[in-house]
Amino acid sequence: MIRKFYTTLTIALIFLLALPNTVSAKTYLMEAQNAYGTFTYCGLGDRPSYQYTDNIEPYLQGAGFNLYVKWYDWHAWESDLTYSANRVNNATFFIWAGHGLGYNWADGFGTVNPYGEAGIHFFNANSTSNWHSFRNHFDDLSLSRWSEIKWGYGSMKWASAYTCNFLKTGGSSTNLDKILRMFKGLHVLTGFASSMYMNSAEGSTYGAYLNQGYSIKDAWVNATQAWQYQGLSGVAAAWASADTVNGDSIYSNSADPAAYPYQTYHRYYIYVS
C-alpha cells in the first residue's frame, strides 16, 4: 500500500514557528475529496471540493499563513481527523470539503446511520488504494464521527467543514453534547446544520472575508449567504465556539480555551437561504 508522505518544514519555517504571536507562524491544512463516484464504489457523486479549498488558499497566504499540507482525494484519510492519528491538529486552521453524513442520514436502500452521529465521509478506507465497499457508507474507516474527533490538542485553533449536516443536532441536547465534546482547546468550528450546496466560488468569498479580518463565524455566514441560495432552500450555516473566543478572526492570538465541559461552549446556527 502506498503511504502518504508529509511535507518537510524548512529551517526558516521552524524558526518562525518559534516566534510568539507571529501571524506568519500560523499554518493551514486542507483535506478534500472530489471523486466519490468516478473512480470508487461510493456513488454519492463527485463534488468540486478541492476547487473550493484551493480558492481559499491565496487569501490565507495573503494573511501570512503557511501551508502545512494539502491531502486530496485518496490521499485524504479518515484517520487524519480522528484521535487515533489526529494529524489535522498539527496546523492552526483545518479546512475540509466533501461529503458529510448526518446523524440520521439514510442511504436510500433502507440503511440508516447506525452510529447516530454525524460524520465527515471519505470514499476510501484509510488508504490510497482501498475504497469502502459498495453502499457501505458507514464503514468506520471511511467516516470521521463526532465521538472520534478531539480537536485543539495541538496547534489547531479553528476548523471549517464545508459539508452537509456536520453540525445538525435535530434539537437533541445529546447530539449537541457530542458536538461540543469534540472541543479540546479548539476555538471555533464552522459548518452546516442542514444539507448544503457545493459551489467552489464560495471558497473565494469565504477567503476574502477571512483575509479582511471578519470574525471566522461572520465570514462563514456571509459567504454562505452569498452562494447557498443558488442551490438549496433552508440552508443553515452553523458554528460552535467557546464563549471567550467566539469573535476570533484569523488574525487573533487569543489564548486556547479549556476543553468542554470545563469551558462554556455553544453551538449556533442561522438560516441563510
C-alpha atoms as a PDB file:
ATOM      1  CA  MET A   1       0.000   0.000   0.000  1.00  0.00           C
ATOM      2  CA  ILE A   2       1.313   3.425  -0.888  1.00  0.00           C
ATOM      3  CA  ARG A   3       1.906   5.505   2.194  1.00  0.00           C
ATOM      4  CA  LYS A   4       1.289   9.220   2.430  1.00  0.00           C
ATOM      5  CA  PHE A   5       4.275  11.474   2.708  1.00  0.00           C
ATOM      6  CA  TYR A   6       4.398  14.581   4.883  1.00  0.00           C
ATOM      7  CA  THR A   7       5.756  17.910   3.800  1.00  0.00           C
ATOM      8  CA  THR A   8       9.038  18.798   5.470  1.00  0.00           C
ATOM      9  CA  LEU A   9       9.156  22.163   7.164  1.00  0.00           C
ATOM     10  CA  THR A  10      12.108  24.311   6.192  1.00  0.00           C
ATOM     11  CA  ILE A  11      14.534  25.676   8.765  1.00  0.00           C
ATOM     12  CA  ALA A  12      13.090  29.133   8.156  1.00  0.00           C
ATOM     13  CA  LEU A  13       9.552  27.972   8.948  1.00  0.00           C
ATOM     14  CA  ILE A  14      10.713  26.171  12.069  1.00  0.00           C
ATOM     15  CA  PHE A  15      12.308  29.440  13.177  1.00  0.00           C
ATOM     16  CA  LEU A  16       9.076  31.321  12.527  1.00  0.00           C
ATOM     17  CA  LEU A  17       7.063  28.797  14.487  1.00  0.00           C
ATOM     18  CA  ALA A  18       9.252  29.553  17.484  1.00  0.00           C
ATOM     19  CA  LEU A  19       8.331  33.243  17.428  1.00  0.00           C
ATOM     20  CA  PRO A  20       5.434  34.197  19.729  1.00  0.00           C
ATOM     21  CA  ASN A  21       2.345  35.981  18.377  1.00  0.00           C
ATOM     22  CA  THR A  22       3.637  35.956  14.801  1.00  0.00           C
ATOM     23  CA  VAL A  23       0.885  35.819  12.193  1.00  0.00           C
ATOM     24  CA  SER A  24       3.244  34.240   9.659  1.00  0.00           C
ATOM     25  CA  ALA A  25       3.787  31.340  12.071  1.00  0.00           C
ATOM     26  CA  LYS A  26       0.199  30.206  11.535  1.00  0.00           C
ATOM     27  CA  THR A  27      -0.389  27.278   9.210  1.00  0.00           C
ATOM     28  CA  TYR A  28      -3.303  25.742   7.339  1.00  0.00           C
ATOM     29  CA  LEU A  29      -4.108  22.153   6.433  1.00  0.00           C
ATOM     30  CA  MET A  30      -6.688  21.266   3.789  1.00  0.00           C
ATOM     31  CA  GLU A  31      -8.374  17.972   3.011  1.00  0.00           C
ATOM     32  CA  ALA A  32     -10.935  17.455   0.268  1.00  0.00           C
ATOM     33  CA  GLN A  33     -12.372  14.718  -1.903  1.00  0.00           C
ATOM     34  CA  ASN A  34     -13.885  15.118  -5.360  1.00  0.00           C
ATOM     35  CA  ALA A  35     -14.006  11.638  -6.866  1.00  0.00           C
ATOM     36  CA  TYR A  36     -16.713   9.928  -4.817  1.00  0.00           C
ATOM     37  CA  GLY A  37     -18.408   8.463  -7.856  1.00  0.00           C
ATOM     38  CA  THR A  38     -15.934   8.445 -10.725  1.00  0.00           C
ATOM     39  CA  PHE A  39     -13.266   6.023  -9.507  1.00  0.00           C
ATOM     40  CA  THR A  40     -14.794   4.414  -6.426  1.00  0.00           C
ATOM     41  CA  TYR A  41     -17.684   2.328  -5.108  1.00  0.00           C
ATOM     42  CA  CYS A  42     -19.104   5.191  -3.070  1.00  0.00           C
ATOM     43  CA  GLY A  43     -21.620   6.508  -5.562  1.00  0.00           C
ATOM     44  CA  LEU A  44     -22.541   9.663  -3.645  1.00  0.00           C
ATOM     45  CA  GLY A  45     -21.489  11.824  -6.564  1.00  0.00           C
ATOM     46  CA  ASP A  46     -18.451  13.907  -7.396  1.00  0.00           C
ATOM     47  CA  ARG A  47     -18.178  17.420  -5.985  1.00  0.00           C
ATOM     48  CA  PRO A  48     -15.884  20.439  -6.699  1.00  0.00           C
ATOM     49  CA  SER A  49     -14.374  20.077  -3.245  1.00  0.00           C
ATOM     50  CA  TYR A  50     -10.704  20.880  -3.634  1.00  0.00           C
ATOM     51  CA  GLN A  51     -11.509  23.675  -6.055  1.00  0.00           C
ATOM     52  CA  TYR A  52     -13.303  25.239  -3.062  1.00  0.00           C
ATOM     53  CA  THR A  53     -10.326  24.847  -0.734  1.00  0.00           C
ATOM     54  CA  ASP A  54      -7.868  25.997  -3.403  1.00  0.00           C
ATOM     55  CA  ASN A  55      -9.901  29.191  -3.760  1.00  0.00           C
ATOM     56  CA  ILE A  56      -9.451  29.937  -0.048  1.00  0.00           C
ATOM     57  CA  GLU A  57      -5.709  29.338  -0.111  1.00  0.00           C
ATOM     58  CA  PRO A  58      -4.406  32.627  -1.606  1.00  0.00           C
ATOM     59  CA  TYR A  59      -6.359  34.639   0.954  1.00  0.00           C
ATOM     60  CA  LEU A  60      -4.816  32.694   3.830  1.00  0.00           C
ATOM     61  CA  GLN A  61      -1.376  33.111   2.319  1.00  0.00           C
ATOM     62  CA  GLY A  62      -2.045  36.820   1.917  1.00  0.00           C
ATOM     63  CA  ALA A  63      -2.827  36.941   5.637  1.00  0.00           C
ATOM     64  CA  GLY A  64       0.556  35.409   6.467  1.00  0.00           C
ATOM     65  CA  PHE A  65      -0.385  31.752   6.758  1.00  0.00           C
ATOM     66  CA  ASN A  66       1.936  28.986   5.581  1.00  0.00           C
ATOM     67  CA  LEU A  67       0.829  25.711   4.038  1.00  0.00           C
ATOM     68  CA  TYR A  68       1.269  22.737   6.331  1.00  0.00           C
ATOM     69  CA  VAL A  69      -0.078  20.181   3.847  1.00  0.00           C
ATOM     70  CA  LYS A  70      -2.956  19.503   1.445  1.00  0.00           C
ATOM     71  CA  TRP A  71      -4.327  15.988   1.106  1.00  0.00           C
ATOM     72  CA  TYR A  72      -6.851  15.484  -1.694  1.00  0.00           C
ATOM     73  CA  ASP A  73      -8.942  12.527  -2.900  1.00  0.00           C
ATOM     74  CA  TRP A  74      -7.312   9.201  -1.916  1.00  0.00           C
ATOM     75  CA  HIS A  75      -4.542  10.982  -0.004  1.00  0.00           C
ATOM     76  CA  ALA A  76      -7.150  12.254   2.498  1.00  0.00           C
ATOM     77  CA  TRP A  77      -7.902   9.718   5.224  1.00  0.00           C
ATOM     78  CA  GLU A  78     -10.468   9.335   7.955  1.00  0.00           C
ATOM     79  CA  SER A  79      -7.709   8.737  10.486  1.00  0.00           C
ATOM     80  CA  ASP A  80      -6.214  12.171   9.765  1.00  0.00           C
ATOM     81  CA  LEU A  81      -9.194  13.692  11.583  1.00  0.00           C
ATOM     82  CA  THR A  82      -9.692  11.247  14.424  1.00  0.00           C
ATOM     83  CA  TYR A  83      -7.902  10.785  17.699  1.00  0.00           C
ATOM     84  CA  SER A  84      -6.112   7.632  16.544  1.00  0.00           C
ATOM     85  CA  ALA A  85      -3.768   9.794  14.444  1.00  0.00           C
ATOM     86  CA  ASN A  86      -5.218  13.319  14.552  1.00  0.00           C
ATOM     87  CA  ARG A  87      -2.795  14.766  12.001  1.00  0.00           C
ATOM     88  CA  VAL A  88      -5.014  17.773  11.354  1.00  0.00           C
ATOM     89  CA  ASN A  89      -4.243  19.024  14.870  1.00  0.00           C
ATOM     90  CA  ASN A  90      -0.756  19.933  13.625  1.00  0.00           C
ATOM     91  CA  ALA A  91      -1.996  23.043  11.778  1.00  0.00           C
ATOM     92  CA  THR A  92      -3.602  26.222  13.089  1.00  0.00           C
ATOM     93  CA  PHE A  93      -6.542  26.135  10.678  1.00  0.00           C
ATOM     94  CA  PHE A  94      -8.053  22.950   9.254  1.00  0.00           C
ATOM     95  CA  ILE A  95     -10.472  23.118   6.307  1.00  0.00           C
ATOM     96  CA  TRP A  96     -12.424  20.154   4.948  1.00  0.00           C
ATOM     97  CA  ALA A  97     -14.576  19.977   1.796  1.00  0.00           C
ATOM     98  CA  GLY A  98     -16.506  16.912   0.694  1.00  0.00           C
ATOM     99  CA  HIS A  99     -19.476  14.784   1.681  1.00  0.00           C
ATOM    100  CA  GLY A 100     -20.862  14.566   5.194  1.00  0.00           C
ATOM    101  CA  LEU A 101     -23.420  12.133   6.629  1.00  0.00           C
ATOM    102  CA  GLY A 102     -25.935  13.421   9.165  1.00  0.00           C
ATOM    103  CA  TYR A 103     -26.705  11.665  12.444  1.00  0.00           C
ATOM    104  CA  ASN A 104     -29.939  10.299  10.928  1.00  0.00           C
ATOM    105  CA  TRP A 105     -28.833  10.018   7.289  1.00  0.00           C
ATOM    106  CA  ALA A 106     -30.236   7.092   5.288  1.00  0.00           C
ATOM    107  CA  ASP A 107     -28.506   5.655   2.235  1.00  0.00           C
ATOM    108  CA  GLY A 108     -31.609   5.204   0.075  1.00  0.00           C
ATOM    109  CA  PHE A 109     -31.527   1.425   0.456  1.00  0.00           C
ATOM    110  CA  GLY A 110     -33.108   1.300   3.892  1.00  0.00           C
ATOM    111  CA  THR A 111     -29.919   1.616   5.958  1.00  0.00           C
ATOM    112  CA  VAL A 112     -29.930   4.444   8.493  1.00  0.00           C
ATOM    113  CA  ASN A 113     -26.747   5.753  10.104  1.00  0.00           C
ATOM    114  CA  PRO A 114     -26.132   3.094  12.793  1.00  0.00           C
ATOM    115  CA  TYR A 115     -23.952   5.340  14.950  1.00  0.00           C
ATOM    116  CA  GLY A 116     -26.499   8.107  15.446  1.00  0.00           C
ATOM    117  CA  GLU A 117     -23.653  10.581  14.919  1.00  0.00           C
ATOM    118  CA  ALA A 118     -22.811  12.903  12.057  1.00  0.00           C
ATOM    119  CA  GLY A 119     -19.508  12.396  10.334  1.00  0.00           C
ATOM    120  CA  ILE A 120     -17.185  13.551   7.573  1.00  0.00           C
ATOM    121  CA  HIS A 121     -17.323  10.905   4.853  1.00  0.00           C
ATOM    122  CA  PHE A 122     -14.438   9.511   2.804  1.00  0.00           C
ATOM    123  CA  PHE A 123     -14.720   7.185  -0.181  1.00  0.00           C
ATOM    124  CA  ASN A 124     -11.515   5.401   0.795  1.00  0.00           C
ATOM    125  CA  ALA A 125     -10.785   3.313   3.889  1.00  0.00           C
ATOM    126  CA  ASN A 126      -7.653   4.969   5.323  1.00  0.00           C
ATOM    127  CA  SER A 127      -5.777   4.027   2.187  1.00  0.00           C
ATOM    128  CA  THR A 128      -4.673   5.345  -1.190  1.00  0.00           C
ATOM    129  CA  SER A 129      -5.914   2.183  -2.882  1.00  0.00           C
ATOM    130  CA  ASN A 130      -8.777   0.630  -0.869  1.00  0.00           C
ATOM    131  CA  TRP A 131     -12.302   2.059  -1.129  1.00  0.00           C
ATOM    132  CA  HIS A 132     -15.198   1.298   1.162  1.00  0.00           C
ATOM    133  CA  SER A 133     -17.336  -1.485  -0.261  1.00  0.00           C
ATOM    134  CA  PHE A 134     -20.412  -0.831  -2.380  1.00  0.00           C
ATOM    135  CA  ARG A 135     -23.090   1.051  -0.402  1.00  0.00           C
ATOM    136  CA  ASN A 136     -21.137   0.669   2.838  1.00  0.00           C
ATOM    137  CA  HIS A 137     -21.006   4.383   3.573  1.00  0.00           C
ATOM    138  CA  PHE A 138     -20.876   3.670   7.297  1.00  0.00           C
ATOM    139  CA  ASP A 139     -17.570   1.814   7.180  1.00  0.00           C
ATOM    140  CA  ASP A 140     -15.754   3.054  10.305  1.00  0.00           C
ATOM    141  CA  LEU A 141     -12.550   3.574   8.287  1.00  0.00           C
ATOM    142  CA  SER A 142     -14.425   5.959   5.967  1.00  0.00           C
ATOM    143  CA  LEU A 143     -16.363   8.064   8.459  1.00  0.00           C
ATOM    144  CA  SER A 144     -14.902  10.537  10.991  1.00  0.00           C
ATOM    145  CA  ARG A 145     -17.663  10.734  13.573  1.00  0.00           C
ATOM    146  CA  TRP A 146     -18.289  13.186  16.404  1.00  0.00           C
ATOM    147  CA  SER A 147     -17.160  10.791  19.124  1.00  0.00           C
ATOM    148  CA  GLU A 148     -13.917  10.045  17.248  1.00  0.00           C
ATOM    149  CA  ILE A 149     -12.845  13.687  16.896  1.00  0.00           C
ATOM    150  CA  LYS A 150     -10.857  15.562  19.544  1.00  0.00           C
ATOM    151  CA  TRP A 151      -9.599  18.865  18.150  1.00  0.00           C
ATOM    152  CA  GLY A 152      -7.401  21.520  19.706  1.00  0.00           C
ATOM    153  CA  TYR A 153      -4.815  19.385  21.490  1.00  0.00           C
ATOM    154  CA  GLY A 154      -2.044  20.528  19.162  1.00  0.00           C
ATOM    155  CA  SER A 155      -1.744  23.697  17.105  1.00  0.00           C
ATOM    156  CA  MET A 156      -5.318  23.786  15.825  1.00  0.00           C
ATOM    157  CA  LYS A 157      -7.390  26.819  16.750  1.00  0.00           C
ATOM    158  CA  TRP A 158     -10.046  26.826  14.014  1.00  0.00           C
ATOM    159  CA  ALA A 159     -11.761  24.374  11.683  1.00  0.00           C
ATOM    160  CA  SER A 160     -14.272  24.698   8.835  1.00  0.00           C
ATOM    161  CA  ALA A 161     -16.283  21.803   7.433  1.00  0.00           C
ATOM    162  CA  TYR A 162     -17.757  22.551   4.006  1.00  0.00           C
ATOM    163  CA  THR A 163     -20.066  19.577   4.157  1.00  0.00           C
ATOM    164  CA  CYS A 164     -23.679  18.650   4.857  1.00  0.00           C
ATOM    165  CA  ASN A 165     -25.156  18.218   8.334  1.00  0.00           C
ATOM    166  CA  PHE A 166     -21.965  18.055  10.379  1.00  0.00           C
ATOM    167  CA  LEU A 167     -23.383  20.475  12.980  1.00  0.00           C
ATOM    168  CA  LYS A 168     -27.007  19.317  12.769  1.00  0.00           C
ATOM    169  CA  THR A 169     -28.457  18.276  16.138  1.00  0.00           C
ATOM    170  CA  GLY A 170     -32.148  17.880  15.329  1.00  0.00           C
ATOM    171  CA  GLY A 171     -32.833  19.748  18.562  1.00  0.00           C
ATOM    172  CA  SER A 172     -31.247  16.968  20.616  1.00  0.00           C
ATOM    173  CA  SER A 173     -29.227  18.013  23.665  1.00  0.00           C
ATOM    174  CA  THR A 174     -27.406  14.682  23.438  1.00  0.00           C
ATOM    175  CA  ASN A 175     -26.270  15.483  19.908  1.00  0.00           C
ATOM    176  CA  LEU A 176     -25.213  18.975  20.963  1.00  0.00           C
ATOM    177  CA  ASP A 177     -23.168  17.496  23.790  1.00  0.00           C
ATOM    178  CA  LYS A 178     -21.432  15.156  21.309  1.00  0.00           C
ATOM    179  CA  ILE A 179     -20.555  18.091  19.060  1.00  0.00           C
ATOM    180  CA  LEU A 180     -19.148  20.125  21.921  1.00  0.00           C
ATOM    181  CA  ARG A 181     -17.104  17.187  23.204  1.00  0.00           C
ATOM    182  CA  MET A 182     -15.012  17.482  20.030  1.00  0.00           C
ATOM    183  CA  PHE A 183     -13.612  20.718  21.524  1.00  0.00           C
ATOM    184  CA  LYS A 184     -10.349  20.006  23.321  1.00  0.00           C
ATOM    185  CA  GLY A 185      -8.888  23.501  23.007  1.00  0.00           C
ATOM    186  CA  LEU A 186     -10.439  24.262  19.607  1.00  0.00           C
ATOM    187  CA  HIS A 187     -11.698  27.861  19.385  1.00  0.00           C
ATOM    188  CA  VAL A 188     -14.248  27.941  16.527  1.00  0.00           C
ATOM    189  CA  LEU A 189     -15.761  25.268  14.285  1.00  0.00           C
ATOM    190  CA  THR A 190     -17.921  26.292  11.306  1.00  0.00           C
ATOM    191  CA  GLY A 191     -20.189  24.028   9.307  1.00  0.00           C
ATOM    192  CA  PHE A 192     -23.830  23.440   8.412  1.00  0.00           C
ATOM    193  CA  ALA A 193     -26.863  22.261  10.351  1.00  0.00           C
ATOM    194  CA  SER A 194     -28.601  21.121   7.174  1.00  0.00           C
ATOM    195  CA  SER A 195     -27.889  19.898   3.688  1.00  0.00           C
ATOM    196  CA  MET A 196     -25.891  22.388   1.654  1.00  0.00           C
ATOM    197  CA  TYR A 197     -24.876  23.034  -1.946  1.00  0.00           C
ATOM    198  CA  MET A 198     -21.251  22.944  -3.032  1.00  0.00           C
ATOM    199  CA  ASN A 199     -20.038  25.816  -5.169  1.00  0.00           C
ATOM    200  CA  SER A 200     -16.275  26.277  -5.442  1.00  0.00           C
ATOM    201  CA  ALA A 201     -16.697  30.059  -5.839  1.00  0.00           C
ATOM    202  CA  GLU A 202     -17.881  30.210  -2.243  1.00  0.00           C
ATOM    203  CA  GLY A 203     -14.301  29.476  -1.216  1.00  0.00           C
ATOM    204  CA  SER A 204     -13.115  32.774  -2.705  1.00  0.00           C
ATOM    205  CA  THR A 205     -15.811  34.681  -0.851  1.00  0.00           C
ATOM    206  CA  TYR A 206     -15.048  32.973   2.452  1.00  0.00           C
ATOM    207  CA  GLY A 207     -11.327  33.520   1.985  1.00  0.00           C
ATOM    208  CA  ALA A 208     -11.800  37.200   1.153  1.00  0.00           C
ATOM    209  CA  TYR A 209     -13.862  37.833   4.298  1.00  0.00           C
ATOM    210  CA  LEU A 210     -11.293  35.986   6.411  1.00  0.00           C
ATOM    211  CA  ASN A 211      -8.464  37.996   4.872  1.00  0.00           C
ATOM    212  CA  GLN A 212     -10.305  41.255   5.588  1.00  0.00           C
ATOM    213  CA  GLY A 213     -10.419  40.457   9.291  1.00  0.00           C
ATOM    214  CA  TYR A 214     -14.050  39.433   9.716  1.00  0.00           C
ATOM    215  CA  SER A 215     -14.628  37.035  12.565  1.00  0.00           C
ATOM    216  CA  ILE A 216     -14.475  33.452  11.358  1.00  0.00           C
ATOM    217  CA  LYS A 217     -18.156  32.865  12.122  1.00  0.00           C
ATOM    218  CA  ASP A 218     -19.223  36.057  10.292  1.00  0.00           C
ATOM    219  CA  ALA A 219     -17.015  35.273   7.296  1.00  0.00           C
ATOM    220  CA  TRP A 220     -18.646  31.830   7.148  1.00  0.00           C
ATOM    221  CA  VAL A 221     -22.216  33.124   7.353  1.00  0.00           C
ATOM    222  CA  ASN A 222     -21.590  35.946   4.863  1.00  0.00           C
ATOM    223  CA  ALA A 223     -20.109  33.524   2.332  1.00  0.00           C
ATOM    224  CA  THR A 224     -22.985  31.093   2.632  1.00  0.00           C
ATOM    225  CA  GLN A 225     -25.500  33.910   2.337  1.00  0.00           C
ATOM    226  CA  ALA A 226     -23.820  34.920  -0.908  1.00  0.00           C
ATOM    227  CA  TRP A 227     -23.916  31.457  -2.516  1.00  0.00           C
ATOM    228  CA  GLN A 228     -26.183  28.867  -0.898  1.00  0.00           C
ATOM    229  CA  TYR A 229     -29.448  30.334  -2.191  1.00  0.00           C
ATOM    230  CA  GLN A 230     -28.438  29.221  -5.696  1.00  0.00           C
ATOM    231  CA  GLY A 231     -28.598  25.544  -4.848  1.00  0.00           C
ATOM    232  CA  LEU A 232     -30.980  24.789  -1.987  1.00  0.00           C
ATOM    233  CA  SER A 233     -33.514  26.464   0.259  1.00  0.00           C
ATOM    234  CA  GLY A 234     -33.422  26.321   4.045  1.00  0.00           C
ATOM    235  CA  VAL A 235     -29.646  26.012   4.321  1.00  0.00           C
ATOM    236  CA  ALA A 236     -28.490  26.595   7.906  1.00  0.00           C
ATOM    237  CA  ALA A 237     -24.994  27.961   8.379  1.00  0.00           C
ATOM    238  CA  ALA A 238     -23.741  26.888  11.792  1.00  0.00           C
ATOM    239  CA  TRP A 239     -20.818  27.273  14.127  1.00  0.00           C
ATOM    240  CA  ALA A 240     -19.771  26.225  17.591  1.00  0.00           C
ATOM    241  CA  SER A 241     -17.274  28.037  19.764  1.00  0.00           C
ATOM    242  CA  ALA A 242     -16.094  28.792  23.245  1.00  0.00           C
ATOM    243  CA  ASP A 243     -17.685  31.956  24.615  1.00  0.00           C
ATOM    244  CA  THR A 244     -14.282  33.524  25.266  1.00  0.00           C
ATOM    245  CA  VAL A 245     -13.184  33.255  21.606  1.00  0.00           C
ATOM    246  CA  ASN A 246     -16.490  33.456  19.745  1.00  0.00           C
ATOM    247  CA  GLY A 247     -15.272  36.553  17.880  1.00  0.00           C
ATOM    248  CA  ASP A 248     -11.917  35.139  16.764  1.00  0.00           C
ATOM    249  CA  SER A 249     -10.595  36.176  13.354  1.00  0.00           C
ATOM    250  CA  ILE A 250      -7.646  34.533  11.625  1.00  0.00           C
ATOM    251  CA  TYR A 251      -5.529  37.385  12.992  1.00  0.00           C
ATOM    252  CA  SER A 252      -6.447  36.630  16.617  1.00  0.00           C
ATOM    253  CA  ASN A 253      -3.881  35.351  19.061  1.00  0.00           C
ATOM    254  CA  SER A 254      -6.268  34.660  21.911  1.00  0.00           C
ATOM    255  CA  ALA A 255      -5.427  32.007  24.470  1.00  0.00           C
ATOM    256  CA  ASP A 256      -6.759  28.493  23.968  1.00  0.00           C
ATOM    257  CA  PRO A 257      -9.953  27.875  25.943  1.00  0.00           C
ATOM    258  CA  ALA A 258     -10.251  24.939  28.286  1.00  0.00           C
ATOM    259  CA  ALA A 259     -11.740  21.768  26.874  1.00  0.00           C
ATOM    260  CA  TYR A 260     -15.503  21.331  27.068  1.00  0.00           C
ATOM    261  CA  PRO A 261     -17.177  20.997  29.604  1.00  0.00           C
ATOM    262  CA  TYR A 262     -14.627  22.975  31.655  1.00  0.00           C
ATOM    263  CA  GLN A 263     -15.190  26.000  29.412  1.00  0.00           C
ATOM    264  CA  THR A 264     -18.604  27.224  28.262  1.00  0.00           C
ATOM    265  CA  TYR A 265     -19.197  26.341  24.614  1.00  0.00           C
ATOM    266  CA  HIS A 266     -22.239  26.864  22.444  1.00  0.00           C
ATOM    267  CA  ARG A 267     -23.463  25.857  19.027  1.00  0.00           C
ATOM    268  CA  TYR A 268     -25.305  28.408  16.900  1.00  0.00           C
ATOM    269  CA  TYR A 269     -26.974  28.446  13.507  1.00  0.00           C
ATOM    270  CA  ILE A 270     -28.639  30.862  11.144  1.00  0.00           C
ATOM    271  CA  TYR A 271     -30.696  30.125   8.045  1.00  0.00           C
ATOM    272  CA  VAL A 272     -29.034  31.703   5.071  1.00  0.00           C
ATOM    273  CA  SER A 273     -31.287  30.735   2.152  1.00  0.00           C
END
